[in-house]
Amino acid sequence: ADVGGGLLRRVLVLLALVGCSLAGKDYYRILGVPRSASPQLLKKAYRKLSMKWHPDKNPDKKEAAQKKFVEISQAYQVLSDPKLKARYDRYGEEGVNEGGGGGQQGGRQQGPNPFDMFSSFFGGGGGGGGEEDPTKVFVGQLPMDITEDEIRQIFATYGAVTEVKIIDGKPIGTQKCAFVGYESDAGAKTAVQVLHDVYKFRLDAPKAIRVEFVRGRPRGGDDAGRWGGGGGGWDGGSSWQPPPADQKKVFAGNLPMDIREDEVRTIFGTYGTITDVTIIDGKPPGSNKCAFVSYDADQGAATAIQVLNNVYKFRADSAQPIRVAYTKGGG
């Protein structure tokens, strides 16, 4: 009886091992979701884990991170595809590899490159519609020495920023990219509208930064005329005033009472070399400050008006954005 019992136990153990081998990787465990996970939950899990384990975010353990990153990508690819998910649920990993028959060596080799899938998911382009996450933007063409504080300072102008993730751009070593999350879609919309193809973190940068909604949400589109009321923002050029005699000097109004010259230089200096800043009392006195900002070239003044007028706030709790206009004419 003991011999028979021992043989039975060995057979059961062997069957269990075979079952584990057939089952392969547990994609649900890899993504940390239940088998009943909705498409939205799968996307949320992939977004979080792929960002966490991207090799560029783990320079001290790049090899281990890349292995984990690939596993996460494989898991999401399968579970986000209804047909592959059904096959996986029935046959396990081997069933997905061979369409239900099993037997492919070396694990799953099919499907998109994990890094291409990551770029498509976050950086625009890929399928899945354009309305995936209206509160998050992708920022490209950042300088290699960009810091999180710099990004927060600029992007927080347009709304409360909840997260900033900086990663390597392509080709690696030439630029950085970032993902910026806002509390509401209004902040993301304004950042795209104001900064895309205009703002530079470094004056000597060859190109302005790219700012786009993740998953290729349209830039502007039908909303292009909604910004800045009757004269601000980026709605077909309504912020451009008729050029005055002095096209290098702008007036900035609705500034906070505690505004400092270095703050004005930091923001306005993004668009050109500043030669002078003069801060004065606004009207009525004690309610706000104004400033005159002079550039060494016409383009700096013109760009500052287009980008900042009726959009930018030096303080998040300001009642109104600043006014930026030429010092003469230009109503």
C-alpha atoms as a PDB file:
ATOM      1  CA  ALA A   1       0.000   0.000   0.000  1.00  0.00           C
ATOM      2  CA  ASP A   2       2.876   2.353   0.884  1.00  0.00           C
ATOM      3  CA  VAL A   3       4.554   1.617  -2.428  1.00  0.00           C
ATOM      4  CA  GLY A   4       1.341   2.348  -4.299  1.00  0.00           C
ATOM      5  CA  GLY A   5       0.765   5.499  -2.264  1.00  0.00           C
ATOM      6  CA  GLY A   6       4.319   6.739  -2.914  1.00  0.00           C
ATOM      7  CA  LEU A   7       3.959   6.119  -6.637  1.00  0.00           C
ATOM      8  CA  LEU A   8       0.678   7.990  -6.691  1.00  0.00           C
ATOM      9  CA  ARG A   9       2.242  10.972  -4.922  1.00  0.00           C
ATOM     10  CA  ARG A  10       5.117  11.032  -7.420  1.00  0.00           C
ATOM     11  CA  VAL A  11       2.671  10.917 -10.326  1.00  0.00           C
ATOM     12  CA  LEU A  12       0.648  13.786  -8.847  1.00  0.00           C
ATOM     13  CA  VAL A  13       3.791  15.875  -8.346  1.00  0.00           C
ATOM     14  CA  LEU A  14       4.873  15.156 -11.919  1.00  0.00           C
ATOM     15  CA  LEU A  15       1.462  16.158 -13.252  1.00  0.00           C
ATOM     16  CA  ALA A  16       1.594  19.364 -11.238  1.00  0.00           C
ATOM     17  CA  LEU A  17       5.002  20.197 -12.689  1.00  0.00           C
ATOM     18  CA  VAL A  18       3.770  19.504 -16.200  1.00  0.00           C
ATOM     19  CA  GLY A  19       0.744  21.698 -15.562  1.00  0.00           C
ATOM     20  CA  CYS A  20       2.972  24.556 -14.388  1.00  0.00           C
ATOM     21  CA  SER A  21       5.156  24.148 -17.463  1.00  0.00           C
ATOM     22  CA  LEU A  22       2.158  24.305 -19.765  1.00  0.00           C
ATOM     23  CA  ALA A  23       0.742  27.285 -17.951  1.00  0.00           C
ATOM     24  CA  GLY A  24       3.934  29.310 -18.468  1.00  0.00           C
ATOM     25  CA  LYS A  25       4.004  32.908 -17.258  1.00  0.00           C
ATOM     26  CA  ASP A  26       1.132  34.251 -15.193  1.00  0.00           C
ATOM     27  CA  TYR A  27       0.336  37.447 -17.054  1.00  0.00           C
ATOM     28  CA  TYR A  28      -2.290  38.473 -14.524  1.00  0.00           C
ATOM     29  CA  ARG A  29       0.250  38.234 -11.712  1.00  0.00           C
ATOM     30  CA  ILE A  30       2.835  40.143 -13.755  1.00  0.00           C
ATOM     31  CA  LEU A  31       0.419  43.063 -14.187  1.00  0.00           C
ATOM     32  CA  GLY A  32      -0.986  42.673 -10.690  1.00  0.00           C
ATOM     33  CA  VAL A  33      -4.601  42.474 -11.819  1.00  0.00           C
ATOM     34  CA  PRO A  34      -7.427  39.937 -11.316  1.00  0.00           C
ATOM     35  CA  ARG A  35      -8.595  37.706 -14.146  1.00  0.00           C
ATOM     36  CA  SER A  36     -11.735  39.839 -14.357  1.00  0.00           C
ATOM     37  CA  ALA A  37      -9.736  43.038 -14.977  1.00  0.00           C
ATOM     38  CA  SER A  38     -11.386  45.555 -17.291  1.00  0.00           C
ATOM     39  CA  PRO A  39      -9.543  47.081 -20.286  1.00  0.00           C
ATOM     40  CA  GLN A  40      -9.228  50.318 -18.307  1.00  0.00           C
ATOM     41  CA  LEU A  41      -7.612  48.512 -15.362  1.00  0.00           C
ATOM     42  CA  LEU A  42      -5.199  46.721 -17.707  1.00  0.00           C
ATOM     43  CA  LYS A  43      -4.173  50.041 -19.258  1.00  0.00           C
ATOM     44  CA  LYS A  44      -3.689  51.593 -15.834  1.00  0.00           C
ATOM     45  CA  ALA A  45      -1.539  48.674 -14.685  1.00  0.00           C
ATOM     46  CA  TYR A  46       0.591  48.713 -17.848  1.00  0.00           C
ATOM     47  CA  ARG A  47       1.039  52.483 -17.662  1.00  0.00           C
ATOM     48  CA  LYS A  48       2.246  52.324 -14.061  1.00  0.00           C
ATOM     49  CA  LEU A  49       4.482  49.262 -14.347  1.00  0.00           C
ATOM     50  CA  SER A  50       6.053  50.076 -17.707  1.00  0.00           C
ATOM     51  CA  MET A  51       7.055  53.491 -16.413  1.00  0.00           C
ATOM     52  CA  LYS A  52       8.413  51.965 -13.205  1.00  0.00           C
ATOM     53  CA  TRP A  53      10.470  49.262 -14.944  1.00  0.00           C
ATOM     54  CA  HIS A  54      11.614  51.084 -18.068  1.00  0.00           C
ATOM     55  CA  PRO A  55      15.385  50.442 -18.323  1.00  0.00           C
ATOM     56  CA  ASP A  56      16.094  54.149 -18.643  1.00  0.00           C
ATOM     57  CA  LYS A  57      14.510  54.666 -15.224  1.00  0.00           C
ATOM     58  CA  ASN A  58      16.675  51.958 -13.654  1.00  0.00           C
ATOM     59  CA  PRO A  59      20.285  52.621 -14.689  1.00  0.00           C
ATOM     60  CA  ASP A  60      21.684  50.722 -11.686  1.00  0.00           C
ATOM     61  CA  LYS A  61      19.819  47.510 -12.563  1.00  0.00           C
ATOM     62  CA  LYS A  62      19.233  47.933 -16.268  1.00  0.00           C
ATOM     63  CA  GLU A  63      19.420  44.245 -17.244  1.00  0.00           C
ATOM     64  CA  ALA A  64      16.933  43.102 -14.598  1.00  0.00           C
ATOM     65  CA  ALA A  65      14.654  46.045 -15.387  1.00  0.00           C
ATOM     66  CA  GLN A  66      14.692  45.259 -19.107  1.00  0.00           C
ATOM     67  CA  LYS A  67      13.667  41.656 -18.426  1.00  0.00           C
ATOM     68  CA  LYS A  68      10.803  42.847 -16.242  1.00  0.00           C
ATOM     69  CA  PHE A  69       9.857  45.525 -18.780  1.00  0.00           C
ATOM     70  CA  VAL A  70       9.618  42.938 -21.567  1.00  0.00           C
ATOM     71  CA  GLU A  71       7.465  40.652 -19.385  1.00  0.00           C
ATOM     72  CA  ILE A  72       5.099  43.528 -18.605  1.00  0.00           C
ATOM     73  CA  SER A  73       4.825  44.398 -22.280  1.00  0.00           C
ATOM     74  CA  GLN A  74       4.113  40.774 -23.246  1.00  0.00           C
ATOM     75  CA  ALA A  75       1.476  40.486 -20.543  1.00  0.00           C
ATOM     76  CA  TYR A  76      -0.303  43.646 -21.628  1.00  0.00           C
ATOM     77  CA  GLN A  77      -0.114  42.755 -25.309  1.00  0.00           C
ATOM     78  CA  VAL A  78      -1.868  39.450 -24.669  1.00  0.00           C
ATOM     79  CA  LEU A  79      -4.427  40.516 -22.075  1.00  0.00           C
ATOM     80  CA  SER A  80      -5.444  43.668 -23.961  1.00  0.00           C
ATOM     81  CA  ASP A  81      -6.280  41.658 -27.091  1.00  0.00           C
ATOM     82  CA  PRO A  82      -9.639  39.861 -26.603  1.00  0.00           C
ATOM     83  CA  LYS A  83      -8.699  36.947 -28.888  1.00  0.00           C
ATOM     84  CA  LEU A  84      -5.263  36.423 -27.379  1.00  0.00           C
ATOM     85  CA  LYS A  85      -6.701  36.769 -23.879  1.00  0.00           C
ATOM     86  CA  ALA A  86      -9.334  34.097 -24.533  1.00  0.00           C
ATOM     87  CA  ARG A  87      -6.657  31.751 -25.897  1.00  0.00           C
ATOM     88  CA  TYR A  88      -4.371  32.472 -22.958  1.00  0.00           C
ATOM     89  CA  ASP A  89      -7.162  31.892 -20.426  1.00  0.00           C
ATOM     90  CA  ARG A  90      -7.819  28.473 -21.957  1.00  0.00           C
ATOM     91  CA  TYR A  91      -4.354  27.196 -22.867  1.00  0.00           C
ATOM     92  CA  GLY A  92      -1.860  29.402 -21.022  1.00  0.00           C
ATOM     93  CA  GLU A  93       1.258  30.972 -22.531  1.00  0.00           C
ATOM     94  CA  GLU A  94       1.956  28.059 -24.847  1.00  0.00           C
ATOM     95  CA  GLY A  95      -1.513  28.349 -26.289  1.00  0.00           C
ATOM     96  CA  VAL A  96      -0.839  31.961 -27.215  1.00  0.00           C
ATOM     97  CA  ASN A  97       2.541  31.104 -28.749  1.00  0.00           C
ATOM     98  CA  GLU A  98       1.180  28.446 -31.074  1.00  0.00           C
ATOM     99  CA  GLY A  99      -2.421  29.409 -31.508  1.00  0.00           C
ATOM    100  CA  GLY A 100      -3.527  26.684 -29.082  1.00  0.00           C
ATOM    101  CA  GLY A 101      -1.101  23.945 -30.028  1.00  0.00           C
ATOM    102  CA  GLY A 102       1.933  24.821 -27.904  1.00  0.00           C
ATOM    103  CA  GLY A 103       5.494  23.934 -28.690  1.00  0.00           C
ATOM    104  CA  GLN A 104       7.264  27.146 -29.679  1.00  0.00           C
ATOM    105  CA  GLN A 105      10.721  27.254 -28.183  1.00  0.00           C
ATOM    106  CA  GLY A 106      12.271  30.119 -26.294  1.00  0.00           C
ATOM    107  CA  GLY A 107       9.019  31.686 -25.089  1.00  0.00           C
ATOM    108  CA  ARG A 108       6.841  34.160 -26.868  1.00  0.00           C
ATOM    109  CA  GLN A 109       8.710  35.791 -29.757  1.00  0.00           C
ATOM    110  CA  GLN A 110       5.824  37.358 -31.623  1.00  0.00           C
ATOM    111  CA  GLY A 111       4.309  40.786 -31.284  1.00  0.00           C
ATOM    112  CA  PRO A 112       5.632  44.342 -31.397  1.00  0.00           C
ATOM    113  CA  ASN A 113       8.925  45.492 -29.982  1.00  0.00           C
ATOM    114  CA  PRO A 114       8.282  46.356 -26.280  1.00  0.00           C
ATOM    115  CA  PHE A 115       9.958  49.746 -26.659  1.00  0.00           C
ATOM    116  CA  ASP A 116       7.973  50.603 -29.777  1.00  0.00           C
ATOM    117  CA  MET A 117       4.806  49.594 -27.949  1.00  0.00           C
ATOM    118  CA  PHE A 118       5.784  51.817 -25.023  1.00  0.00           C
ATOM    119  CA  SER A 119       6.437  54.799 -27.311  1.00  0.00           C
ATOM    120  CA  SER A 120       3.161  54.250 -29.140  1.00  0.00           C
ATOM    121  CA  PHE A 121       1.223  53.978 -25.876  1.00  0.00           C
ATOM    122  CA  PHE A 122       2.662  57.111 -24.322  1.00  0.00           C
ATOM    123  CA  GLY A 123       4.039  59.254 -27.075  1.00  0.00           C
ATOM    124  CA  GLY A 124       1.221  59.512 -29.606  1.00  0.00           C
ATOM    125  CA  GLY A 125       0.473  57.683 -32.778  1.00  0.00           C
ATOM    126  CA  GLY A 126      -0.720  54.210 -31.903  1.00  0.00           C
ATOM    127  CA  GLY A 127      -4.200  52.831 -31.875  1.00  0.00           C
ATOM    128  CA  GLY A 128      -6.705  52.987 -29.113  1.00  0.00           C
ATOM    129  CA  GLY A 129      -8.237  56.318 -30.084  1.00  0.00           C
ATOM    130  CA  GLY A 130      -7.035  59.765 -29.200  1.00  0.00           C
ATOM    131  CA  GLU A 131      -8.873  60.313 -25.912  1.00  0.00           C
ATOM    132  CA  GLU A 132      -6.898  57.941 -23.657  1.00  0.00           C
ATOM    133  CA  ASP A 133      -5.740  60.355 -20.957  1.00  0.00           C
ATOM    134  CA  PRO A 134      -6.675  64.040 -21.331  1.00  0.00           C
ATOM    135  CA  THR A 135      -4.799  64.920 -18.126  1.00  0.00           C
ATOM    136  CA  LYS A 136      -1.355  63.770 -19.283  1.00  0.00           C
ATOM    137  CA  VAL A 137       1.015  65.240 -21.871  1.00  0.00           C
ATOM    138  CA  PHE A 138       4.167  64.005 -23.555  1.00  0.00           C
ATOM    139  CA  VAL A 139       7.044  66.481 -23.755  1.00  0.00           C
ATOM    140  CA  GLY A 140       9.805  65.884 -26.294  1.00  0.00           C
ATOM    141  CA  GLN A 141      13.049  67.546 -27.383  1.00  0.00           C
ATOM    142  CA  LEU A 142      14.102  68.440 -23.858  1.00  0.00           C
ATOM    143  CA  PRO A 143      17.756  69.237 -23.100  1.00  0.00           C
ATOM    144  CA  MET A 144      19.905  66.458 -21.654  1.00  0.00           C
ATOM    145  CA  ASP A 145      20.423  68.410 -18.412  1.00  0.00           C
ATOM    146  CA  ILE A 146      16.730  69.137 -17.808  1.00  0.00           C
ATOM    147  CA  THR A 147      15.558  68.795 -14.214  1.00  0.00           C
ATOM    148  CA  GLU A 148      12.175  67.936 -12.745  1.00  0.00           C
ATOM    149  CA  ASP A 149      12.051  71.285 -10.951  1.00  0.00           C
ATOM    150  CA  GLU A 150      12.426  73.160 -14.249  1.00  0.00           C
ATOM    151  CA  ILE A 151       9.596  71.196 -15.838  1.00  0.00           C
ATOM    152  CA  ARG A 152       7.319  71.685 -12.843  1.00  0.00           C
ATOM    153  CA  GLN A 153       8.000  75.432 -12.749  1.00  0.00           C
ATOM    154  CA  ILE A 154       6.904  75.939 -16.344  1.00  0.00           C
ATOM    155  CA  PHE A 155       4.101  73.384 -16.637  1.00  0.00           C
ATOM    156  CA  ALA A 156       2.575  74.231 -13.234  1.00  0.00           C
ATOM    157  CA  THR A 157       1.729  77.645 -14.672  1.00  0.00           C
ATOM    158  CA  TYR A 158      -1.211  76.057 -16.463  1.00  0.00           C
ATOM    159  CA  GLY A 159      -2.590  73.842 -13.694  1.00  0.00           C
ATOM    160  CA  ALA A 160      -1.745  71.663 -10.695  1.00  0.00           C
ATOM    161  CA  VAL A 161       0.894  69.106 -11.752  1.00  0.00           C
ATOM    162  CA  THR A 162       0.531  65.684 -10.132  1.00  0.00           C
ATOM    163  CA  GLU A 163       3.582  63.917 -11.586  1.00  0.00           C
ATOM    164  CA  VAL A 164       6.622  64.382 -13.773  1.00  0.00           C
ATOM    165  CA  LYS A 165       8.529  61.448 -15.318  1.00  0.00           C
ATOM    166  CA  ILE A 166      11.736  62.084 -17.265  1.00  0.00           C
ATOM    167  CA  ILE A 167      13.133  59.426 -19.630  1.00  0.00           C
ATOM    168  CA  ASP A 168      15.695  59.187 -22.407  1.00  0.00           C
ATOM    169  CA  GLY A 169      14.657  60.276 -25.875  1.00  0.00           C
ATOM    170  CA  LYS A 170      15.770  58.735 -29.168  1.00  0.00           C
ATOM    171  CA  PRO A 171      18.514  58.390 -30.191  1.00  0.00           C
ATOM    172  CA  ILE A 172      19.632  57.812 -26.601  1.00  0.00           C
ATOM    173  CA  GLY A 173      22.060  60.442 -25.411  1.00  0.00           C
ATOM    174  CA  THR A 174      20.754  63.229 -27.640  1.00  0.00           C
ATOM    175  CA  GLN A 175      17.693  64.469 -25.750  1.00  0.00           C
ATOM    176  CA  LYS A 176      15.295  63.799 -22.881  1.00  0.00           C
ATOM    177  CA  CYS A 177      11.540  63.347 -22.873  1.00  0.00           C
ATOM    178  CA  ALA A 178       8.992  63.643 -20.084  1.00  0.00           C
ATOM    179  CA  PHE A 179       5.431  62.802 -19.154  1.00  0.00           C
ATOM    180  CA  VAL A 180       3.571  65.458 -17.182  1.00  0.00           C
ATOM    181  CA  GLY A 181       0.325  64.677 -15.401  1.00  0.00           C
ATOM    182  CA  TYR A 182      -2.231  67.287 -14.360  1.00  0.00           C
ATOM    183  CA  GLU A 183      -5.115  67.217 -11.889  1.00  0.00           C
ATOM    184  CA  SER A 184      -7.505  68.246 -14.656  1.00  0.00           C
ATOM    185  CA  ASP A 185      -7.587  68.237 -18.432  1.00  0.00           C
ATOM    186  CA  ALA A 186      -7.718  72.047 -18.533  1.00  0.00           C
ATOM    187  CA  GLY A 187      -4.083  72.255 -17.456  1.00  0.00           C
ATOM    188  CA  ALA A 188      -2.967  69.745 -20.059  1.00  0.00           C
ATOM    189  CA  LYS A 189      -4.929  71.478 -22.816  1.00  0.00           C
ATOM    190  CA  THR A 190      -3.410  74.853 -22.044  1.00  0.00           C
ATOM    191  CA  ALA A 191       0.128  73.460 -21.840  1.00  0.00           C
ATOM    192  CA  VAL A 192      -0.238  71.874 -25.288  1.00  0.00           C
ATOM    193  CA  GLN A 193      -1.813  74.998 -26.723  1.00  0.00           C
ATOM    194  CA  VAL A 194       0.790  77.427 -25.363  1.00  0.00           C
ATOM    195  CA  LEU A 195       4.091  75.529 -25.277  1.00  0.00           C
ATOM    196  CA  HIS A 196       4.097  73.158 -28.255  1.00  0.00           C
ATOM    197  CA  ASP A 197       6.695  74.123 -30.870  1.00  0.00           C
ATOM    198  CA  VAL A 198       7.225  77.474 -29.102  1.00  0.00           C
ATOM    199  CA  TYR A 199       8.889  77.106 -25.708  1.00  0.00           C
ATOM    200  CA  LYS A 200      12.620  76.430 -25.202  1.00  0.00           C
ATOM    201  CA  PHE A 201      14.177  75.535 -21.863  1.00  0.00           C
ATOM    202  CA  ARG A 202      17.554  76.667 -23.245  1.00  0.00           C
ATOM    203  CA  LEU A 203      17.947  79.732 -25.437  1.00  0.00           C
ATOM    204  CA  ASP A 204      20.532  77.958 -27.596  1.00  0.00           C
ATOM    205  CA  ALA A 205      18.352  74.890 -28.175  1.00  0.00           C
ATOM    206  CA  PRO A 206      18.041  74.151 -31.924  1.00  0.00           C
ATOM    207  CA  LYS A 207      14.333  73.369 -31.632  1.00  0.00           C
ATOM    208  CA  ALA A 208      11.403  74.226 -29.373  1.00  0.00           C
ATOM    209  CA  ILE A 209       9.932  71.484 -27.202  1.00  0.00           C
ATOM    210  CA  ARG A 210       7.125  69.210 -28.385  1.00  0.00           C
ATOM    211  CA  VAL A 211       4.065  69.049 -26.133  1.00  0.00           C
ATOM    212  CA  GLU A 212       1.328  66.596 -27.105  1.00  0.00           C
ATOM    213  CA  PHE A 213      -1.428  64.637 -25.462  1.00  0.00           C
ATOM    214  CA  VAL A 214      -0.492  61.036 -24.871  1.00  0.00           C
ATOM    215  CA  ARG A 215      -1.915  58.519 -27.378  1.00  0.00           C
ATOM    216  CA  GLY A 216      -2.062  61.221 -30.074  1.00  0.00           C
ATOM    217  CA  ARG A 217      -4.910  63.334 -28.756  1.00  0.00           C
ATOM    218  CA  PRO A 218      -5.429  66.189 -31.256  1.00  0.00           C
ATOM    219  CA  ARG A 219      -3.550  69.431 -30.615  1.00  0.00           C
ATOM    220  CA  GLY A 220      -6.089  72.238 -30.605  1.00  0.00           C
ATOM    221  CA  GLY A 221      -8.599  70.989 -33.167  1.00  0.00           C
ATOM    222  CA  ASP A 222     -12.133  72.192 -32.541  1.00  0.00           C
ATOM    223  CA  ASP A 223     -11.086  73.613 -29.185  1.00  0.00           C
ATOM    224  CA  ALA A 224      -8.593  76.011 -30.753  1.00  0.00           C
ATOM    225  CA  GLY A 225     -10.861  79.008 -30.366  1.00  0.00           C
ATOM    226  CA  ARG A 226     -11.723  78.486 -26.706  1.00  0.00           C
ATOM    227  CA  TRP A 227      -8.489  79.769 -25.181  1.00  0.00           C
ATOM    228  CA  GLY A 228      -8.016  83.102 -23.536  1.00  0.00           C
ATOM    229  CA  GLY A 229     -11.415  84.641 -24.218  1.00  0.00           C
ATOM    230  CA  GLY A 230     -11.239  87.560 -26.561  1.00  0.00           C
ATOM    231  CA  GLY A 231      -7.566  87.934 -27.268  1.00  0.00           C
ATOM    232  CA  GLY A 232      -5.253  85.440 -25.618  1.00  0.00           C
ATOM    233  CA  GLY A 233      -3.642  82.171 -26.271  1.00  0.00           C
ATOM    234  CA  TRP A 234      -3.147  80.541 -29.624  1.00  0.00           C
ATOM    235  CA  ASP A 235      -6.443  80.884 -31.468  1.00  0.00           C
ATOM    236  CA  GLY A 236      -5.415  81.813 -34.967  1.00  0.00           C
ATOM    237  CA  GLY A 237      -3.056  84.599 -33.931  1.00  0.00           C
ATOM    238  CA  SER A 238      -5.443  86.931 -32.084  1.00  0.00           C
ATOM    239  CA  SER A 239      -2.699  87.689 -29.531  1.00  0.00           C
ATOM    240  CA  TRP A 240      -0.568  89.433 -32.158  1.00  0.00           C
ATOM    241  CA  GLN A 241      -1.035  93.156 -31.897  1.00  0.00           C
ATOM    242  CA  PRO A 242      -0.177  95.538 -34.734  1.00  0.00           C
ATOM    243  CA  PRO A 243       3.551  96.205 -34.401  1.00  0.00           C
ATOM    244  CA  PRO A 244       4.438  99.577 -32.869  1.00  0.00           C
ATOM    245  CA  ALA A 245       7.436 101.777 -33.516  1.00  0.00           C
ATOM    246  CA  ASP A 246       9.412  99.899 -30.853  1.00  0.00           C
ATOM    247  CA  GLN A 247       8.907  96.212 -31.583  1.00  0.00           C
ATOM    248  CA  LYS A 248      11.442  95.128 -28.973  1.00  0.00           C
ATOM    249  CA  LYS A 249       9.567  96.344 -25.890  1.00  0.00           C
ATOM    250  CA  VAL A 250       6.460  94.880 -24.241  1.00  0.00           C
ATOM    251  CA  PHE A 251       4.163  95.901 -21.412  1.00  0.00           C
ATOM    252  CA  ALA A 252       3.197  93.210 -18.850  1.00  0.00           C
ATOM    253  CA  GLY A 253       0.120  93.874 -16.725  1.00  0.00           C
ATOM    254  CA  ASN A 254      -1.842  92.081 -13.978  1.00  0.00           C
ATOM    255  CA  LEU A 255       1.362  91.069 -12.215  1.00  0.00           C
ATOM    256  CA  PRO A 256       1.164  90.021  -8.536  1.00  0.00           C
ATOM    257  CA  MET A 257       2.122  92.579  -5.897  1.00  0.00           C
ATOM    258  CA  ASP A 258       5.096  90.488  -4.759  1.00  0.00           C
ATOM    259  CA  ILE A 259       6.533  89.967  -8.273  1.00  0.00           C
ATOM    260  CA  ARG A 260      10.319  90.071  -8.495  1.00  0.00           C
ATOM    261  CA  GLU A 261      12.528  91.159 -11.368  1.00  0.00           C
ATOM    262  CA  ASP A 262      14.279  87.778 -11.497  1.00  0.00           C
ATOM    263  CA  GLU A 263      10.895  86.048 -11.946  1.00  0.00           C
ATOM    264  CA  VAL A 264      10.039  88.316 -14.860  1.00  0.00           C
ATOM    265  CA  ARG A 265      13.456  87.722 -16.425  1.00  0.00           C
ATOM    266  CA  THR A 266      13.165  83.941 -16.007  1.00  0.00           C
ATOM    267  CA  ILE A 267       9.836  83.670 -17.840  1.00  0.00           C
ATOM    268  CA  PHE A 268      10.258  86.396 -20.451  1.00  0.00           C
ATOM    269  CA  GLY A 269      13.891  85.438 -21.014  1.00  0.00           C
ATOM    270  CA  THR A 270      12.712  82.153 -22.479  1.00  0.00           C
ATOM    271  CA  TYR A 271      11.787  83.923 -25.707  1.00  0.00           C
ATOM    272  CA  GLY A 272      14.869  86.064 -26.245  1.00  0.00           C
ATOM    273  CA  THR A 273      17.676  88.050 -24.644  1.00  0.00           C
ATOM    274  CA  ILE A 274      16.310  90.674 -22.237  1.00  0.00           C
ATOM    275  CA  THR A 275      18.067  94.041 -22.050  1.00  0.00           C
ATOM    276  CA  ASP A 276      15.923  95.727 -19.392  1.00  0.00           C
ATOM    277  CA  VAL A 277      13.083  95.089 -16.899  1.00  0.00           C
ATOM    278  CA  THR A 278      11.292  97.915 -15.093  1.00  0.00           C
ATOM    279  CA  ILE A 279       8.559  97.137 -12.538  1.00  0.00           C
ATOM    280  CA  ILE A 280       6.001  99.812 -11.579  1.00  0.00           C
ATOM    281  CA  ASP A 281       2.704 100.064  -9.691  1.00  0.00           C
ATOM    282  CA  GLY A 282      -0.448  99.186 -11.586  1.00  0.00           C
ATOM    283  CA  LYS A 283      -3.823 100.918 -11.325  1.00  0.00           C
ATOM    284  CA  PRO A 284      -5.350 101.339  -8.876  1.00  0.00           C
ATOM    285  CA  PRO A 285      -2.124 101.503  -6.796  1.00  0.00           C
ATOM    286  CA  GLY A 286      -1.774  98.597  -4.385  1.00  0.00           C
ATOM    287  CA  SER A 287      -3.844  96.204  -6.505  1.00  0.00           C
ATOM    288  CA  ASN A 288      -1.231  94.878  -8.930  1.00  0.00           C
ATOM    289  CA  LYS A 289       2.154  95.506 -10.511  1.00  0.00           C
ATOM    290  CA  CYS A 290       3.135  96.131 -14.125  1.00  0.00           C
ATOM    291  CA  ALA A 291       6.416  95.865 -15.958  1.00  0.00           C
ATOM    292  CA  PHE A 292       8.172  96.967 -19.116  1.00  0.00           C
ATOM    293  CA  VAL A 293      10.373  94.298 -20.679  1.00  0.00           C
ATOM    294  CA  SER A 294      12.861  95.078 -23.434  1.00  0.00           C
ATOM    295  CA  TYR A 295      14.456  92.553 -25.781  1.00  0.00           C
ATOM    296  CA  ASP A 296      17.488  92.824 -28.032  1.00  0.00           C
ATOM    297  CA  ALA A 297      15.463  91.636 -31.040  1.00  0.00           C
ATOM    298  CA  ASP A 298      11.902  91.948 -32.359  1.00  0.00           C
ATOM    299  CA  GLN A 299      11.249  88.201 -32.317  1.00  0.00           C
ATOM    300  CA  GLY A 300      11.548  87.928 -28.535  1.00  0.00           C
ATOM    301  CA  ALA A 301       8.845  90.512 -27.942  1.00  0.00           C
ATOM    302  CA  ALA A 302       6.544  89.045 -30.599  1.00  0.00           C
ATOM    303  CA  THR A 303       6.830  85.516 -29.203  1.00  0.00           C
ATOM    304  CA  ALA A 304       6.299  86.641 -25.603  1.00  0.00           C
ATOM    305  CA  ILE A 305       3.047  88.335 -26.609  1.00  0.00           C
ATOM    306  CA  GLN A 306       1.815  85.321 -28.543  1.00  0.00           C
ATOM    307  CA  VAL A 307       2.630  82.799 -25.839  1.00  0.00           C
ATOM    308  CA  LEU A 308       1.982  84.626 -22.564  1.00  0.00           C
ATOM    309  CA  ASN A 309      -0.821  87.157 -23.162  1.00  0.00           C
ATOM    310  CA  ASN A 310      -4.028  86.190 -21.335  1.00  0.00           C
ATOM    311  CA  VAL A 311      -2.581  82.723 -20.565  1.00  0.00           C
ATOM    312  CA  TYR A 312       0.358  82.843 -18.155  1.00  0.00           C
ATOM    313  CA  LYS A 313       0.036  83.267 -14.374  1.00  0.00           C
ATOM    314  CA  PHE A 314       2.994  83.907 -12.102  1.00  0.00           C
ATOM    315  CA  ARG A 315       0.906  82.621  -9.180  1.00  0.00           C
ATOM    316  CA  ALA A 316      -1.415  79.634  -9.513  1.00  0.00           C
ATOM    317  CA  ASP A 317      -4.075  81.368  -7.388  1.00  0.00           C
ATOM    318  CA  SER A 318      -4.054  84.616  -9.385  1.00  0.00           C
ATOM    319  CA  ALA A 319      -7.509  85.818 -10.363  1.00  0.00           C
ATOM    320  CA  GLN A 320      -6.437  86.593 -13.934  1.00  0.00           C
ATOM    321  CA  PRO A 321      -3.546  85.734 -16.256  1.00  0.00           C
ATOM    322  CA  ILE A 322      -1.057  88.438 -17.144  1.00  0.00           C
ATOM    323  CA  ARG A 323      -1.509  90.855 -20.046  1.00  0.00           C
ATOM    324  CA  VAL A 324       1.367  91.180 -22.484  1.00  0.00           C
ATOM    325  CA  ALA A 325       1.230  93.791 -25.233  1.00  0.00           C
ATOM    326  CA  TYR A 326       3.501  96.082 -27.195  1.00  0.00           C
ATOM    327  CA  THR A 327       4.228  99.290 -25.283  1.00  0.00           C
ATOM    328  CA  LYS A 328       2.684 101.474 -27.998  1.00  0.00           C
ATOM    329  CA  GLY A 329      -0.400 100.799 -30.095  1.00  0.00           C
ATOM    330  CA  GLY A 330      -1.413  97.133 -30.305  1.00  0.00           C
ATOM    331  CA  GLY A 331      -4.789  97.070 -28.555  1.00  0.00           C
END
